[in-house]
Structure formats: structure tokens, C-alpha cells
Amino acid sequence: MSKDPVMVEAFKHGLDIHTTTASKVFNVPLKDVTKEMRSNAKTVNFGIIYGVSAFGLSQQSSLSRKEASEIIKNYFATYPKLKEYMDANIAFAREHGYVKTIMNRKRRLKDINSRNAVVRGHAERNAINAPIQGSAADIIKLAMIKIQTEIDLLGLQSKMLLQVHDELVFDVLKTELPVLKKLIKEKMEGVLDLTVPLVVDLDVGKSWLDAH
């Protein structure tokens, strides 16, 4: 969404984004990133889009408040386009009263110009988060439509049962498994042409738990 070149390159090369972030913000080689470093970087990666503060990050991780503040500073130095994207979303919302997803669905934010700092802050965080979460919803729903259309065209007996965040769960006839695996992967990975590749993992089991 931000088209940050450092982040885009990591995704294009199939690198683990949390390990990459840890390497950058802690200033260590990829091979020296510890589990704790990766865990803290993961908290930052997800927390940033919710407008996490140094205090909030320290509460959610093993970092002190001072360390958390330094990590956030390093994070935006590592991914400068991300900060620009976040600021641009807030500015757009202030001017227009809404933000948009990748498929141009609108999320209206009536409190974006509120005089109440707490209320306004909540709307600002939504201005950053809603296009990202909303676009993820756009992508998975569009993939579901494309998959179900193909299932119907081929007259398959297998069923699409559930959507759980970025996962789809299917009840598959064993004889249809090879066809369905190919169909699902192609439709999900090719649903939209984005700056970064959409990568899909497929697993099979007698239950959803087994498939994991």
C-alpha cells in the first residue's frame, strides 16, 4: 500500500518481513536475528498500523519504554515511505471525510476533525488501518468469488466452507484434490496485480487442525 522500496524488496525476494524488520531496526545481520528480536519486530510491524506509541509498544513487548521509542524511530527511518503513506491517509481523511480501500470502498470517518484529541486520534488510527484491513478483505472476497465461479463452471462437488481472515477452508472430494489445489492457488495468487506478490500456502488434512 505504501510502496516503500525496502519493504517491497523484502516481499519480492520472499524474505520473512518480521526478520527483515528486526535486522534493520536492531542493526544486525539477518542471520543474527534472535527469536526475541523477531517477536519484537513483529509487534512493531502490526502495531504501527494501529498508531502504537512507545508506551504501548513497551507494554506489548519485552522492550523498555526508551528502547521502544528508539525502535519506532529506527522503524520509520528504515521504511520512510510508510510514514509518508500514513500521514497522507490522515491528510486525505481530514479533507474528504473518508478513506478508501484498494477496490475504492469507502470508510467514512466523521470524527477525523474532532476537537477532542482522543476521539480524533481514534479516527486517525482508522484512517491508517481501514484501507489496509479493508483491502485485505477486498482481496480475499474477490478470490472467493473467482474460485466459486470456477468450481461451478467445472461442476465440482467440493465445497468452499469458511473464510477465516486470510485463509479459506474447503471440504474436498479426494478425486478432485489435484484440480482444486491448482485452481485455488491460481485464483488466489492472481486475484490482483499488486506491487508485491500474493503468495498462497496450501495444506491438506482430515480436519482443519490436521491441515495446519
N, C-alpha and C. Protein backbone atom coordinates (compact mmCIF):
# COMPACT_ATOMS: atom_id res chain seq x y z
N MET A 1 0.83 -1.21 0.00
CA MET A 1 0.00 0.00 0.00
C MET A 1 0.87 1.26 0.00
N SER A 2 1.96 1.24 0.76
CA SER A 2 2.84 2.41 0.84
C SER A 2 3.88 2.43 -0.27
N LYS A 3 4.10 1.26 -0.88
CA LYS A 3 5.13 1.10 -1.92
C LYS A 3 6.53 1.45 -1.39
N ASP A 4 6.74 1.26 -0.11
CA ASP A 4 8.07 1.50 0.45
C ASP A 4 9.07 0.54 -0.19
N PRO A 5 10.15 1.04 -0.81
CA PRO A 5 11.05 0.18 -1.57
C PRO A 5 11.74 -0.91 -0.75
N VAL A 6 12.10 -0.60 0.50
CA VAL A 6 12.77 -1.59 1.34
C VAL A 6 11.83 -2.74 1.67
N MET A 7 10.59 -2.39 2.02
CA MET A 7 9.60 -3.41 2.35
C MET A 7 9.20 -4.21 1.11
N VAL A 8 9.03 -3.52 -0.02
CA VAL A 8 8.67 -4.18 -1.28
C VAL A 8 9.72 -5.20 -1.68
N GLU A 9 11.00 -4.82 -1.58
CA GLU A 9 12.10 -5.73 -1.95
C GLU A 9 12.10 -6.98 -1.08
N ALA A 10 11.83 -6.80 0.20
CA ALA A 10 11.78 -7.95 1.12
C ALA A 10 10.71 -8.94 0.68
N PHE A 11 9.52 -8.43 0.34
CA PHE A 11 8.42 -9.30 -0.10
C PHE A 11 8.73 -9.95 -1.45
N LYS A 12 9.33 -9.18 -2.36
CA LYS A 12 9.65 -9.72 -3.69
C LYS A 12 10.67 -10.85 -3.63
N HIS A 13 11.56 -10.79 -2.64
CA HIS A 13 12.58 -11.83 -2.50
C HIS A 13 12.16 -12.94 -1.55
N GLY A 14 10.90 -12.91 -1.13
CA GLY A 14 10.37 -13.97 -0.29
C GLY A 14 10.96 -14.01 1.11
N LEU A 15 11.47 -12.86 1.58
CA LEU A 15 12.06 -12.80 2.92
C LEU A 15 10.97 -12.68 3.98
N ASP A 16 11.25 -13.16 5.16
CA ASP A 16 10.32 -13.01 6.28
C ASP A 16 10.35 -11.54 6.70
N ILE A 17 9.23 -10.87 6.60
CA ILE A 17 9.19 -9.42 6.83
C ILE A 17 9.53 -9.05 8.27
N HIS A 18 9.18 -9.92 9.22
CA HIS A 18 9.47 -9.62 10.63
C HIS A 18 10.97 -9.76 10.93
N THR A 19 11.60 -10.77 10.32
CA THR A 19 13.06 -10.95 10.47
C THR A 19 13.79 -9.80 9.79
N THR A 20 13.31 -9.41 8.61
CA THR A 20 13.91 -8.28 7.89
C THR A 20 13.82 -7.00 8.71
N THR A 21 12.63 -6.75 9.27
CA THR A 21 12.44 -5.56 10.10
C THR A 21 13.36 -5.59 11.31
N ALA A 22 13.45 -6.74 11.96
CA ALA A 22 14.34 -6.88 13.13
C ALA A 22 15.78 -6.58 12.76
N SER A 23 16.22 -7.10 11.62
CA SER A 23 17.59 -6.86 11.15
C SER A 23 17.85 -5.37 10.96
N LYS A 24 16.86 -4.66 10.41
CA LYS A 24 17.01 -3.23 10.13
C LYS A 24 16.98 -2.38 11.41
N VAL A 25 15.97 -2.61 12.24
CA VAL A 25 15.80 -1.72 13.40
C VAL A 25 16.79 -2.02 14.53
N PHE A 26 17.26 -3.28 14.62
CA PHE A 26 18.27 -3.62 15.64
C PHE A 26 19.69 -3.55 15.08
N ASN A 27 19.78 -3.28 13.75
CA ASN A 27 21.07 -3.11 13.08
C ASN A 27 21.98 -4.34 13.24
N VAL A 28 21.42 -5.51 12.93
CA VAL A 28 22.21 -6.76 12.95
C VAL A 28 21.98 -7.51 11.64
N PRO A 29 22.92 -8.37 11.23
CA PRO A 29 22.70 -9.17 10.01
C PRO A 29 21.49 -10.09 10.17
N LEU A 30 20.87 -10.46 9.05
CA LEU A 30 19.69 -11.34 9.09
C LEU A 30 19.95 -12.61 9.89
N LYS A 31 21.15 -13.18 9.71
CA LYS A 31 21.46 -14.46 10.37
C LYS A 31 21.59 -14.33 11.89
N ASP A 32 21.78 -13.11 12.36
CA ASP A 32 21.95 -12.89 13.81
C ASP A 32 20.67 -12.45 14.52
N VAL A 33 19.58 -12.40 13.78
CA VAL A 33 18.30 -12.02 14.40
C VAL A 33 17.82 -13.14 15.32
N THR A 34 17.58 -12.82 16.58
CA THR A 34 17.11 -13.81 17.55
C THR A 34 15.59 -13.90 17.52
N LYS A 35 15.04 -14.93 18.16
CA LYS A 35 13.58 -15.09 18.24
C LYS A 35 12.94 -13.89 18.94
N GLU A 36 13.62 -13.40 19.97
CA GLU A 36 13.09 -12.26 20.73
C GLU A 36 13.07 -11.00 19.86
N MET A 37 14.15 -10.80 19.09
CA MET A 37 14.21 -9.66 18.17
C MET A 37 13.09 -9.73 17.15
N ARG A 38 12.89 -10.92 16.56
CA ARG A 38 11.84 -11.09 15.56
C ARG A 38 10.47 -10.84 16.17
N SER A 39 10.26 -11.35 17.39
CA SER A 39 8.98 -11.18 18.08
C SER A 39 8.69 -9.70 18.32
N ASN A 40 9.71 -8.95 18.76
CA ASN A 40 9.52 -7.51 19.00
C ASN A 40 9.26 -6.77 17.69
N ALA A 41 9.97 -7.18 16.63
CA ALA A 41 9.77 -6.55 15.32
C ALA A 41 8.37 -6.84 14.79
N LYS A 42 7.88 -8.04 15.03
CA LYS A 42 6.53 -8.41 14.61
C LYS A 42 5.50 -7.53 15.33
N THR A 43 5.71 -7.31 16.61
CA THR A 43 4.82 -6.44 17.38
C THR A 43 4.81 -5.03 16.80
N VAL A 44 6.00 -4.56 16.40
CA VAL A 44 6.10 -3.22 15.79
C VAL A 44 5.38 -3.20 14.45
N ASN A 45 5.63 -4.20 13.59
CA ASN A 45 5.02 -4.25 12.26
C ASN A 45 3.50 -4.16 12.32
N PHE A 46 2.92 -4.90 13.25
CA PHE A 46 1.46 -4.87 13.37
C PHE A 46 0.98 -3.66 14.17
N GLY A 47 1.78 -3.23 15.14
CA GLY A 47 1.37 -2.12 15.99
C GLY A 47 1.40 -0.77 15.29
N ILE A 48 2.34 -0.61 14.37
CA ILE A 48 2.50 0.68 13.68
C ILE A 48 1.21 1.09 12.98
N ILE A 49 0.53 0.14 12.33
CA ILE A 49 -0.69 0.50 11.59
C ILE A 49 -1.86 0.82 12.53
N TYR A 50 -1.68 0.57 13.82
CA TYR A 50 -2.68 0.97 14.80
C TYR A 50 -2.22 2.20 15.57
N GLY A 51 -1.11 2.81 15.11
CA GLY A 51 -0.60 4.02 15.75
C GLY A 51 -0.03 3.77 17.13
N VAL A 52 0.65 2.63 17.31
CA VAL A 52 1.19 2.27 18.62
C VAL A 52 2.21 3.32 19.08
N SER A 53 2.18 3.65 20.37
CA SER A 53 3.13 4.60 20.96
C SER A 53 4.28 3.82 21.59
N ALA A 54 5.31 4.54 22.03
CA ALA A 54 6.44 3.90 22.71
C ALA A 54 5.96 3.18 23.97
N PHE A 55 5.04 3.83 24.69
CA PHE A 55 4.49 3.21 25.91
C PHE A 55 3.72 1.94 25.55
N GLY A 56 2.86 2.04 24.53
CA GLY A 56 2.07 0.88 24.11
C GLY A 56 2.93 -0.27 23.65
N LEU A 57 3.99 0.04 22.89
CA LEU A 57 4.90 -1.00 22.40
C LEU A 57 5.64 -1.67 23.55
N SER A 58 6.05 -0.87 24.54
CA SER A 58 6.76 -1.43 25.69
C SER A 58 5.86 -2.37 26.49
N GLN A 59 4.55 -2.06 26.52
CA GLN A 59 3.58 -2.90 27.23
C GLN A 59 3.34 -4.23 26.51
N GLN A 60 3.49 -4.21 25.17
CA GLN A 60 3.20 -5.40 24.35
C GLN A 60 4.43 -6.25 24.07
N SER A 61 5.61 -5.78 24.47
CA SER A 61 6.85 -6.47 24.13
C SER A 61 7.77 -6.54 25.34
N SER A 62 8.99 -7.03 25.10
CA SER A 62 9.97 -7.11 26.19
C SER A 62 10.86 -5.87 26.22
N LEU A 63 10.49 -4.85 25.45
CA LEU A 63 11.28 -3.63 25.36
C LEU A 63 10.92 -2.64 26.47
N SER A 64 11.92 -1.86 26.90
CA SER A 64 11.63 -0.76 27.83
C SER A 64 11.01 0.37 27.02
N ARG A 65 10.48 1.36 27.71
CA ARG A 65 9.86 2.49 27.00
C ARG A 65 10.89 3.23 26.13
N LYS A 66 12.10 3.38 26.67
CA LYS A 66 13.17 4.05 25.93
C LYS A 66 13.55 3.24 24.70
N GLU A 67 13.69 1.92 24.88
CA GLU A 67 14.03 1.04 23.75
C GLU A 67 12.93 1.07 22.69
N ALA A 68 11.68 1.06 23.16
CA ALA A 68 10.54 1.08 22.24
C ALA A 68 10.53 2.37 21.42
N SER A 69 10.83 3.48 22.08
CA SER A 69 10.88 4.77 21.40
C SER A 69 11.95 4.76 20.31
N GLU A 70 13.10 4.17 20.63
CA GLU A 70 14.21 4.10 19.67
C GLU A 70 13.86 3.19 18.50
N ILE A 71 13.16 2.08 18.81
CA ILE A 71 12.75 1.14 17.76
C ILE A 71 11.79 1.81 16.78
N ILE A 72 10.81 2.54 17.29
CA ILE A 72 9.84 3.23 16.42
C ILE A 72 10.56 4.26 15.55
N LYS A 73 11.52 4.98 16.14
CA LYS A 73 12.32 5.95 15.39
C LYS A 73 13.09 5.25 14.28
N ASN A 74 13.74 4.13 14.60
CA ASN A 74 14.51 3.35 13.61
C ASN A 74 13.59 2.77 12.54
N TYR A 75 12.39 2.39 12.96
CA TYR A 75 11.42 1.77 12.05
C TYR A 75 11.07 2.74 10.92
N PHE A 76 10.73 3.97 11.29
CA PHE A 76 10.35 4.95 10.27
C PHE A 76 11.54 5.42 9.44
N ALA A 77 12.76 5.33 10.03
CA ALA A 77 13.96 5.63 9.25
C ALA A 77 14.22 4.51 8.22
N THR A 78 13.86 3.28 8.60
CA THR A 78 14.03 2.13 7.71
C THR A 78 13.00 2.13 6.59
N TYR A 79 11.75 2.47 6.95
CA TYR A 79 10.64 2.47 5.99
C TYR A 79 10.05 3.88 5.86
N PRO A 80 10.79 4.83 5.27
CA PRO A 80 10.32 6.22 5.21
C PRO A 80 9.02 6.41 4.43
N LYS A 81 8.81 5.60 3.39
CA LYS A 81 7.60 5.74 2.58
C LYS A 81 6.36 5.34 3.38
N LEU A 82 6.56 4.48 4.36
CA LEU A 82 5.45 4.04 5.20
C LEU A 82 4.91 5.21 6.02
N LYS A 83 5.82 6.00 6.55
CA LYS A 83 5.41 7.19 7.33
C LYS A 83 4.70 8.18 6.41
N GLU A 84 5.20 8.36 5.21
CA GLU A 84 4.56 9.27 4.25
C GLU A 84 3.15 8.79 3.92
N TYR A 85 3.01 7.48 3.74
CA TYR A 85 1.70 6.88 3.43
C TYR A 85 0.70 7.12 4.56
N MET A 86 1.16 6.90 5.79
CA MET A 86 0.29 7.08 6.95
C MET A 86 -0.16 8.54 7.07
N ASP A 87 0.79 9.47 6.92
CA ASP A 87 0.46 10.90 7.01
C ASP A 87 -0.48 11.32 5.88
N ALA A 88 -0.25 10.77 4.69
CA ALA A 88 -1.09 11.10 3.53
C ALA A 88 -2.52 10.62 3.73
N ASN A 89 -2.68 9.44 4.33
CA ASN A 89 -4.03 8.91 4.59
C ASN A 89 -4.80 9.80 5.56
N ILE A 90 -4.11 10.25 6.60
CA ILE A 90 -4.75 11.13 7.59
C ILE A 90 -5.13 12.46 6.94
N ALA A 91 -4.22 13.00 6.13
CA ALA A 91 -4.50 14.27 5.44
C ALA A 91 -5.68 14.12 4.48
N PHE A 92 -5.74 13.01 3.76
CA PHE A 92 -6.85 12.76 2.84
C PHE A 92 -8.17 12.67 3.60
N ALA A 93 -8.13 11.95 4.72
CA ALA A 93 -9.34 11.79 5.53
C ALA A 93 -9.83 13.13 6.08
N ARG A 94 -8.89 13.97 6.51
CA ARG A 94 -9.27 15.29 7.04
C ARG A 94 -9.95 16.14 5.98
N GLU A 95 -9.48 16.02 4.74
CA GLU A 95 -10.04 16.83 3.66
C GLU A 95 -11.36 16.28 3.13
N HIS A 96 -11.46 14.94 3.02
CA HIS A 96 -12.61 14.34 2.36
C HIS A 96 -13.61 13.67 3.31
N GLY A 97 -13.17 13.37 4.54
CA GLY A 97 -14.07 12.73 5.50
C GLY A 97 -14.16 11.23 5.36
N TYR A 98 -13.30 10.63 4.54
CA TYR A 98 -13.30 9.18 4.37
C TYR A 98 -11.93 8.73 3.85
N VAL A 99 -11.70 7.42 3.90
CA VAL A 99 -10.54 6.80 3.25
C VAL A 99 -11.05 5.67 2.37
N LYS A 100 -10.20 5.17 1.46
CA LYS A 100 -10.63 4.16 0.50
C LYS A 100 -9.75 2.92 0.55
N THR A 101 -10.36 1.77 0.23
CA THR A 101 -9.60 0.53 0.08
C THR A 101 -9.06 0.45 -1.34
N ILE A 102 -8.33 -0.61 -1.60
CA ILE A 102 -7.74 -0.84 -2.92
C ILE A 102 -8.80 -0.97 -4.02
N MET A 103 -10.01 -1.38 -3.63
CA MET A 103 -11.12 -1.52 -4.58
C MET A 103 -12.08 -0.33 -4.50
N ASN A 104 -11.60 0.74 -3.87
CA ASN A 104 -12.35 2.01 -3.77
C ASN A 104 -13.59 1.95 -2.90
N ARG A 105 -13.65 1.02 -1.98
CA ARG A 105 -14.72 1.06 -0.97
C ARG A 105 -14.36 2.15 0.03
N LYS A 106 -15.34 2.87 0.50
CA LYS A 106 -15.10 4.00 1.40
C LYS A 106 -15.39 3.65 2.86
N ARG A 107 -14.54 4.15 3.74
CA ARG A 107 -14.79 4.11 5.17
C ARG A 107 -14.90 5.55 5.64
N ARG A 108 -16.09 5.96 6.03
CA ARG A 108 -16.30 7.33 6.45
C ARG A 108 -15.81 7.53 7.89
N LEU A 109 -15.18 8.66 8.13
CA LEU A 109 -14.60 8.97 9.44
C LEU A 109 -15.09 10.34 9.90
N LYS A 110 -16.25 10.35 10.52
CA LYS A 110 -16.90 11.62 10.89
C LYS A 110 -16.16 12.38 11.98
N ASP A 111 -15.28 11.68 12.72
CA ASP A 111 -14.60 12.34 13.84
C ASP A 111 -13.17 12.76 13.50
N ILE A 112 -12.79 12.70 12.23
CA ILE A 112 -11.40 12.95 11.86
C ILE A 112 -10.96 14.38 12.18
N ASN A 113 -11.90 15.32 12.23
CA ASN A 113 -11.57 16.70 12.56
C ASN A 113 -12.13 17.14 13.92
N SER A 114 -12.40 16.14 14.76
CA SER A 114 -12.95 16.43 16.08
C SER A 114 -11.99 17.28 16.92
N ARG A 115 -12.54 18.15 17.76
CA ARG A 115 -11.71 18.95 18.67
C ARG A 115 -11.22 18.12 19.84
N ASN A 116 -11.90 17.00 20.08
CA ASN A 116 -11.49 16.09 21.16
C ASN A 116 -10.32 15.25 20.67
N ALA A 117 -9.15 15.40 21.30
CA ALA A 117 -7.93 14.74 20.84
C ALA A 117 -8.03 13.21 20.87
N VAL A 118 -8.71 12.66 21.88
CA VAL A 118 -8.85 11.21 21.99
C VAL A 118 -9.72 10.67 20.86
N VAL A 119 -10.84 11.33 20.63
CA VAL A 119 -11.77 10.93 19.56
C VAL A 119 -11.09 11.08 18.19
N ARG A 120 -10.41 12.22 18.00
CA ARG A 120 -9.71 12.47 16.74
C ARG A 120 -8.60 11.45 16.52
N GLY A 121 -7.88 11.10 17.58
CA GLY A 121 -6.79 10.12 17.49
C GLY A 121 -7.30 8.76 17.04
N HIS A 122 -8.46 8.38 17.54
CA HIS A 122 -9.07 7.10 17.14
C HIS A 122 -9.40 7.11 15.64
N ALA A 123 -9.95 8.22 15.17
CA ALA A 123 -10.29 8.35 13.75
C ALA A 123 -9.03 8.35 12.88
N GLU A 124 -7.96 8.96 13.37
CA GLU A 124 -6.69 8.99 12.63
C GLU A 124 -6.10 7.59 12.49
N ARG A 125 -6.21 6.81 13.57
CA ARG A 125 -5.71 5.42 13.50
C ARG A 125 -6.54 4.62 12.51
N ASN A 126 -7.85 4.88 12.47
CA ASN A 126 -8.71 4.21 11.49
C ASN A 126 -8.38 4.64 10.06
N ALA A 127 -7.96 5.89 9.90
CA ALA A 127 -7.59 6.40 8.58
C ALA A 127 -6.39 5.64 8.03
N ILE A 128 -5.52 5.19 8.92
CA ILE A 128 -4.34 4.41 8.52
C ILE A 128 -4.70 2.94 8.34
N ASN A 129 -5.46 2.43 9.30
CA ASN A 129 -5.72 0.99 9.36
C ASN A 129 -6.80 0.50 8.40
N ALA A 130 -7.87 1.29 8.24
CA ALA A 130 -9.03 0.84 7.45
C ALA A 130 -8.69 0.51 5.99
N PRO A 131 -7.87 1.33 5.29
CA PRO A 131 -7.53 0.96 3.92
C PRO A 131 -6.75 -0.35 3.82
N ILE A 132 -5.93 -0.64 4.84
CA ILE A 132 -5.13 -1.87 4.83
C ILE A 132 -6.00 -3.09 5.12
N GLN A 133 -6.73 -3.04 6.23
CA GLN A 133 -7.60 -4.14 6.60
C GLN A 133 -8.73 -4.31 5.59
N GLY A 134 -9.26 -3.18 5.11
CA GLY A 134 -10.34 -3.22 4.13
C GLY A 134 -9.88 -3.80 2.80
N SER A 135 -8.66 -3.47 2.40
CA SER A 135 -8.11 -4.01 1.15
C SER A 135 -7.86 -5.51 1.27
N ALA A 136 -7.41 -5.95 2.45
CA ALA A 136 -7.23 -7.38 2.67
C ALA A 136 -8.57 -8.11 2.53
N ALA A 137 -9.63 -7.48 3.04
CA ALA A 137 -10.98 -8.05 2.90
C ALA A 137 -11.41 -8.06 1.44
N ASP A 138 -11.12 -6.98 0.70
CA ASP A 138 -11.43 -6.92 -0.73
C ASP A 138 -10.80 -8.09 -1.47
N ILE A 139 -9.50 -8.29 -1.20
CA ILE A 139 -8.73 -9.30 -1.92
C ILE A 139 -9.27 -10.71 -1.67
N ILE A 140 -9.52 -11.05 -0.41
CA ILE A 140 -9.98 -12.41 -0.12
C ILE A 140 -11.39 -12.64 -0.66
N LYS A 141 -12.25 -11.63 -0.58
CA LYS A 141 -13.62 -11.79 -1.10
C LYS A 141 -13.62 -11.95 -2.62
N LEU A 142 -12.79 -11.17 -3.29
CA LEU A 142 -12.68 -11.28 -4.74
C LEU A 142 -12.16 -12.65 -5.15
N ALA A 143 -11.20 -13.16 -4.39
CA ALA A 143 -10.66 -14.50 -4.65
C ALA A 143 -11.75 -15.57 -4.46
N MET A 144 -12.56 -15.41 -3.42
CA MET A 144 -13.65 -16.35 -3.15
C MET A 144 -14.64 -16.40 -4.31
N ILE A 145 -14.98 -15.23 -4.83
CA ILE A 145 -15.92 -15.17 -5.97
C ILE A 145 -15.33 -15.88 -7.18
N LYS A 146 -14.06 -15.63 -7.46
CA LYS A 146 -13.40 -16.24 -8.62
C LYS A 146 -13.30 -17.76 -8.47
N ILE A 147 -12.98 -18.22 -7.26
CA ILE A 147 -12.87 -19.67 -7.01
C ILE A 147 -14.23 -20.34 -7.14
N GLN A 148 -15.25 -19.76 -6.52
CA GLN A 148 -16.58 -20.37 -6.57
C GLN A 148 -17.13 -20.39 -7.99
N THR A 149 -16.86 -19.35 -8.76
CA THR A 149 -17.28 -19.30 -10.17
C THR A 149 -16.67 -20.45 -10.95
N GLU A 150 -15.36 -20.70 -10.70
CA GLU A 150 -14.66 -21.79 -11.40
C GLU A 150 -15.16 -23.16 -10.95
N ILE A 151 -15.43 -23.31 -9.66
CA ILE A 151 -15.97 -24.57 -9.14
C ILE A 151 -17.30 -24.89 -9.82
N ASP A 152 -18.14 -23.86 -9.95
CA ASP A 152 -19.45 -24.03 -10.60
C ASP A 152 -19.29 -24.37 -12.09
N LEU A 153 -18.36 -23.69 -12.76
CA LEU A 153 -18.14 -23.94 -14.19
C LEU A 153 -17.66 -25.36 -14.46
N LEU A 154 -16.81 -25.87 -13.56
CA LEU A 154 -16.27 -27.22 -13.73
C LEU A 154 -17.20 -28.30 -13.18
N GLY A 155 -18.25 -27.88 -12.49
CA GLY A 155 -19.21 -28.83 -11.91
C GLY A 155 -18.61 -29.69 -10.82
N LEU A 156 -17.70 -29.12 -10.02
CA LEU A 156 -17.04 -29.87 -8.96
C LEU A 156 -17.98 -30.05 -7.76
N GLN A 157 -17.77 -31.14 -7.03
CA GLN A 157 -18.59 -31.42 -5.85
C GLN A 157 -17.98 -30.84 -4.56
N SER A 158 -16.70 -30.48 -4.62
CA SER A 158 -16.02 -29.91 -3.46
C SER A 158 -16.66 -28.58 -3.07
N LYS A 159 -16.59 -28.27 -1.78
CA LYS A 159 -17.27 -27.07 -1.26
C LYS A 159 -16.27 -26.11 -0.60
N MET A 160 -16.51 -24.82 -0.79
CA MET A 160 -15.80 -23.81 -0.03
C MET A 160 -16.61 -23.58 1.25
N LEU A 161 -16.00 -23.87 2.41
CA LEU A 161 -16.75 -23.85 3.67
C LEU A 161 -16.64 -22.54 4.44
N LEU A 162 -15.41 -22.06 4.61
CA LEU A 162 -15.18 -20.94 5.52
C LEU A 162 -14.12 -19.98 5.01
N GLN A 163 -14.26 -18.72 5.38
CA GLN A 163 -13.19 -17.75 5.27
C GLN A 163 -12.81 -17.36 6.69
N VAL A 164 -11.53 -17.48 7.03
CA VAL A 164 -11.04 -17.08 8.35
C VAL A 164 -9.84 -16.15 8.12
N HIS A 165 -10.11 -14.86 8.22
CA HIS A 165 -9.08 -13.84 7.94
C HIS A 165 -8.52 -14.03 6.52
N ASP A 166 -7.26 -14.46 6.42
CA ASP A 166 -6.67 -14.63 5.09
C ASP A 166 -6.64 -16.10 4.66
N GLU A 167 -7.42 -16.93 5.33
CA GLU A 167 -7.48 -18.36 4.98
C GLU A 167 -8.85 -18.73 4.42
N LEU A 168 -8.82 -19.71 3.53
CA LEU A 168 -10.06 -20.32 3.03
C LEU A 168 -10.02 -21.80 3.37
N VAL A 169 -11.13 -22.31 3.84
CA VAL A 169 -11.24 -23.72 4.22
C VAL A 169 -12.21 -24.42 3.26
N PHE A 170 -11.78 -25.55 2.70
CA PHE A 170 -12.57 -26.30 1.73
C PHE A 170 -12.83 -27.73 2.22
N ASP A 171 -13.99 -28.25 1.84
CA ASP A 171 -14.30 -29.67 2.01
C ASP A 171 -14.14 -30.28 0.62
N VAL A 172 -13.11 -31.11 0.47
CA VAL A 172 -12.69 -31.53 -0.88
C VAL A 172 -12.89 -33.02 -1.11
N LEU A 173 -13.51 -33.34 -2.24
CA LEU A 173 -13.60 -34.73 -2.70
C LEU A 173 -12.20 -35.16 -3.11
N LYS A 174 -11.74 -36.31 -2.61
CA LYS A 174 -10.35 -36.73 -2.84
C LYS A 174 -9.98 -36.75 -4.32
N THR A 175 -10.89 -37.21 -5.13
CA THR A 175 -10.60 -37.30 -6.57
C THR A 175 -10.45 -35.93 -7.22
N GLU A 176 -11.01 -34.90 -6.58
CA GLU A 176 -10.93 -33.54 -7.12
C GLU A 176 -9.77 -32.72 -6.56
N LEU A 177 -9.02 -33.33 -5.63
CA LEU A 177 -7.96 -32.59 -4.94
C LEU A 177 -6.93 -31.96 -5.87
N PRO A 178 -6.37 -32.70 -6.84
CA PRO A 178 -5.35 -32.08 -7.72
C PRO A 178 -5.90 -30.87 -8.49
N VAL A 179 -7.11 -31.00 -9.01
CA VAL A 179 -7.72 -29.91 -9.77
C VAL A 179 -7.97 -28.71 -8.87
N LEU A 180 -8.52 -28.97 -7.68
CA LEU A 180 -8.88 -27.88 -6.77
C LEU A 180 -7.65 -27.15 -6.23
N LYS A 181 -6.59 -27.90 -5.91
CA LYS A 181 -5.37 -27.26 -5.42
C LYS A 181 -4.82 -26.27 -6.44
N LYS A 182 -4.79 -26.69 -7.68
CA LYS A 182 -4.28 -25.83 -8.77
C LYS A 182 -5.19 -24.61 -8.94
N LEU A 183 -6.49 -24.87 -8.92
CA LEU A 183 -7.49 -23.80 -9.11
C LEU A 183 -7.37 -22.75 -8.01
N ILE A 184 -7.33 -23.21 -6.76
CA ILE A 184 -7.29 -22.29 -5.61
C ILE A 184 -6.03 -21.43 -5.64
N LYS A 185 -4.88 -22.07 -5.85
CA LYS A 185 -3.61 -21.34 -5.86
C LYS A 185 -3.58 -20.28 -6.97
N GLU A 186 -4.02 -20.67 -8.15
CA GLU A 186 -4.03 -19.75 -9.29
C GLU A 186 -4.96 -18.55 -9.06
N LYS A 187 -6.15 -18.83 -8.56
CA LYS A 187 -7.14 -17.76 -8.38
C LYS A 187 -6.75 -16.82 -7.24
N MET A 188 -6.20 -17.37 -6.16
CA MET A 188 -5.83 -16.53 -5.02
C MET A 188 -4.59 -15.69 -5.33
N GLU A 189 -3.58 -16.31 -5.93
CA GLU A 189 -2.35 -15.58 -6.21
C GLU A 189 -2.52 -14.58 -7.36
N GLY A 190 -3.47 -14.86 -8.25
CA GLY A 190 -3.66 -13.99 -9.41
C GLY A 190 -4.84 -13.05 -9.30
N VAL A 191 -5.41 -12.94 -8.11
CA VAL A 191 -6.64 -12.17 -7.95
C VAL A 191 -6.45 -10.68 -8.27
N LEU A 192 -5.29 -10.13 -7.92
CA LEU A 192 -4.99 -8.72 -8.24
C LEU A 192 -3.51 -8.60 -8.57
N ASP A 193 -3.19 -7.68 -9.44
CA ASP A 193 -1.80 -7.41 -9.79
C ASP A 193 -1.29 -6.32 -8.86
N LEU A 194 -0.52 -6.71 -7.85
CA LEU A 194 -0.04 -5.77 -6.85
C LEU A 194 1.46 -5.51 -7.00
N THR A 195 1.96 -4.56 -6.23
CA THR A 195 3.39 -4.25 -6.24
C THR A 195 4.21 -5.41 -5.71
N VAL A 196 3.63 -6.15 -4.77
CA VAL A 196 4.29 -7.33 -4.20
C VAL A 196 3.49 -8.58 -4.56
N PRO A 197 4.16 -9.74 -4.63
CA PRO A 197 3.43 -10.97 -4.98
C PRO A 197 2.51 -11.43 -3.86
N LEU A 198 1.37 -11.97 -4.24
CA LEU A 198 0.49 -12.64 -3.28
C LEU A 198 0.90 -14.11 -3.26
N VAL A 199 1.35 -14.59 -2.14
CA VAL A 199 1.85 -15.96 -2.02
C VAL A 199 0.86 -16.79 -1.21
N VAL A 200 0.49 -17.95 -1.75
CA VAL A 200 -0.50 -18.81 -1.10
C VAL A 200 0.11 -20.16 -0.71
N ASP A 201 -0.09 -20.55 0.53
CA ASP A 201 0.32 -21.88 1.01
C ASP A 201 -0.91 -22.76 1.08
N LEU A 202 -0.75 -24.01 0.63
CA LEU A 202 -1.86 -24.97 0.64
C LEU A 202 -1.50 -26.17 1.50
N ASP A 203 -2.41 -26.58 2.35
CA ASP A 203 -2.21 -27.78 3.17
C ASP A 203 -3.48 -28.60 3.18
N VAL A 204 -3.32 -29.92 3.30
CA VAL A 204 -4.45 -30.84 3.25
C VAL A 204 -4.45 -31.73 4.47
N GLY A 205 -5.64 -32.01 5.02
CA GLY A 205 -5.75 -32.93 6.16
C GLY A 205 -7.19 -33.36 6.33
N LYS A 206 -7.40 -34.31 7.23
CA LYS A 206 -8.76 -34.79 7.50
C LYS A 206 -9.57 -33.74 8.26
N SER A 207 -8.88 -32.81 8.88
CA SER A 207 -9.55 -31.71 9.59
C SER A 207 -8.74 -30.44 9.36
N TRP A 208 -9.30 -29.31 9.74
CA TRP A 208 -8.61 -28.04 9.60
C TRP A 208 -7.33 -28.05 10.47
N LEU A 209 -7.44 -28.66 11.66
CA LEU A 209 -6.28 -28.75 12.56
C LEU A 209 -5.16 -29.58 11.91
N ASP A 210 -5.52 -30.70 11.30
CA ASP A 210 -4.53 -31.54 10.63
C ASP A 210 -3.85 -30.79 9.48
N ALA A 211 -4.64 -29.99 8.79
CA ALA A 211 -4.12 -29.24 7.64
C ALA A 211 -3.08 -28.20 8.06
N HIS A 212 -3.13 -27.81 9.33
CA HIS A 212 -2.15 -26.84 9.83
C HIS A 212 -0.88 -27.53 10.29
